[in-house]
């Protein structure tokens, strides 16, 4: 799993089984983003996750993980979990833009 930090513009969403799939345009790659992430992606969020709900037409900065869809699949997914970060762009610029985020666990 690879951690990705991107700014996205939400286009649409769809409920599929127990997950919500958001259709987004990747506006800016902020950290740890390779070419494996396309300009238009899906963000997958478990419906049991306390992740924020994205509004269509709004922009967000998202820190999530890039996972493989299945054992025999080549499809990668940008997935949000309860440990992910997702904030509106305005909030990001006011509070967090100067910080450097590292993906991974904190050492206690």
Protein backbone atom coordinates (compact mmCIF):
# COMPACT_ATOMS: atom_id res chain seq x y z
CA UNK A 1 0.00 0.00 0.00
CA UNK A 2 1.23 3.45 -0.89
CA UNK A 3 0.08 6.65 0.77
CA UNK A 4 -1.02 9.48 -1.53
CA UNK A 5 -1.76 13.15 -0.84
CA UNK A 6 -3.76 14.88 -3.57
CA UNK A 7 -6.12 17.78 -4.12
CA UNK A 8 -9.30 16.60 -5.82
CA UNK A 9 -12.44 18.12 -7.31
CA UNK A 10 -15.53 15.97 -6.70
CA UNK A 11 -17.58 15.26 -9.83
CA UNK A 12 -20.07 12.61 -8.74
CA UNK A 13 -20.63 9.72 -6.34
CA UNK A 14 -22.31 6.34 -6.35
CA UNK A 15 -23.22 3.82 -3.64
CA UNK A 16 -21.98 0.30 -4.43
CA UNK A 17 -22.73 -2.37 -1.82
CA UNK A 18 -21.09 -1.15 1.41
CA UNK A 19 -18.87 1.52 -0.13
CA UNK A 20 -19.26 4.93 -1.68
CA UNK A 21 -17.30 5.58 -4.86
CA UNK A 22 -16.51 9.23 -5.55
CA UNK A 23 -15.59 10.24 -9.09
CA UNK A 24 -12.93 12.96 -8.83
CA UNK A 25 -10.53 15.00 -10.92
CA UNK A 26 -7.02 15.07 -9.47
CA UNK A 27 -6.24 18.80 -9.49
CA UNK A 28 -2.82 18.64 -7.82
CA UNK A 29 -0.47 15.95 -6.57
CA UNK A 30 0.95 17.12 -3.25
CA UNK A 31 3.08 14.26 -1.91
CA UNK A 32 4.09 10.67 -2.58
CA UNK A 33 2.27 10.57 -5.88
CA UNK A 34 3.69 8.64 -8.78
CA UNK A 35 2.40 8.40 -12.31
CA UNK A 36 0.17 5.49 -11.26
CA UNK A 37 -2.50 7.99 -10.29
CA UNK A 38 -4.51 9.27 -13.27
CA UNK A 39 -5.98 12.75 -13.72
CA UNK A 40 -9.43 11.27 -13.15
CA UNK A 41 -9.79 8.70 -10.37
CA UNK A 42 -12.25 7.07 -8.03
CA UNK A 43 -11.99 7.45 -4.27
CA UNK A 44 -13.45 4.52 -2.35
CA UNK A 45 -14.87 5.05 1.15
CA UNK A 46 -16.38 2.34 3.35
CA UNK A 47 -19.84 3.43 4.46
CA UNK A 48 -18.96 2.48 8.03
CA UNK A 49 -15.98 4.87 7.96
CA UNK A 50 -16.38 8.16 9.81
CA UNK A 51 -14.76 9.90 6.86
CA UNK A 52 -16.35 13.18 5.80
CA UNK A 53 -18.94 13.14 3.07
CA UNK A 54 -17.74 14.91 -0.06
CA UNK A 55 -20.01 17.44 -1.75
CA UNK A 56 -20.23 17.47 -5.53
CA UNK A 57 -18.46 20.50 -7.01
CA UNK A 58 -16.22 21.08 -3.98
CA UNK A 59 -12.46 20.61 -3.72
CA UNK A 60 -10.67 18.63 -1.01
CA UNK A 61 -7.16 17.68 0.01
CA UNK A 62 -7.10 13.94 0.61
CA UNK A 63 -4.48 11.69 2.19
CA UNK A 64 -5.39 8.07 1.52
CA UNK A 65 -3.85 4.79 0.51
CA UNK A 66 -3.46 3.30 -2.93
CA UNK A 67 -4.56 -0.35 -2.86
CA UNK A 68 -5.05 -3.13 -5.39
CA UNK A 69 -8.72 -3.96 -6.02
CA UNK A 70 -8.32 -7.73 -5.83
CA UNK A 71 -5.77 -10.53 -5.96
CA UNK A 72 -6.11 -11.04 -9.72
CA UNK A 73 -6.79 -7.40 -10.59
CA UNK A 74 -4.48 -4.70 -11.91
CA UNK A 75 -6.90 -1.96 -10.85
CA UNK A 76 -5.62 0.35 -8.14
CA UNK A 77 -7.92 2.30 -5.86
CA UNK A 78 -7.42 5.43 -3.82
CA UNK A 79 -9.08 4.39 -0.59
CA UNK A 80 -9.97 6.36 2.52
CA UNK A 81 -10.00 4.68 5.91
CA UNK A 82 -10.59 5.90 9.45
CA UNK A 83 -6.89 6.93 9.51
CA UNK A 84 -7.13 9.06 6.34
CA UNK A 85 -7.25 12.84 6.14
CA UNK A 86 -9.80 14.69 4.01
CA UNK A 87 -10.33 18.43 4.40
CA UNK A 88 -11.77 21.18 2.21
CA UNK A 89 -9.10 23.09 0.26
CA UNK A 90 -9.86 26.37 2.09
CA UNK A 91 -9.26 24.70 5.45
CA UNK A 92 -6.08 23.09 4.12
CA UNK A 93 -4.69 26.43 3.00
CA UNK A 94 -5.52 28.13 6.32
CA UNK A 95 -4.29 25.44 8.71
CA UNK A 96 -2.16 22.76 7.13
CA UNK A 97 -0.45 23.93 3.94
CA UNK A 98 2.85 24.72 5.66
CA UNK A 99 3.08 21.29 7.35
CA UNK A 100 4.79 18.27 5.91
CA UNK A 101 2.77 15.08 6.20
CA UNK A 102 4.43 11.72 6.38
CA UNK A 103 2.53 8.56 5.62
CA UNK A 104 2.85 5.79 8.12
CA UNK A 105 2.48 5.20 11.81
CA UNK A 106 3.71 7.46 14.54
CA UNK A 107 6.46 6.11 16.73
CA UNK A 108 5.62 6.30 20.44
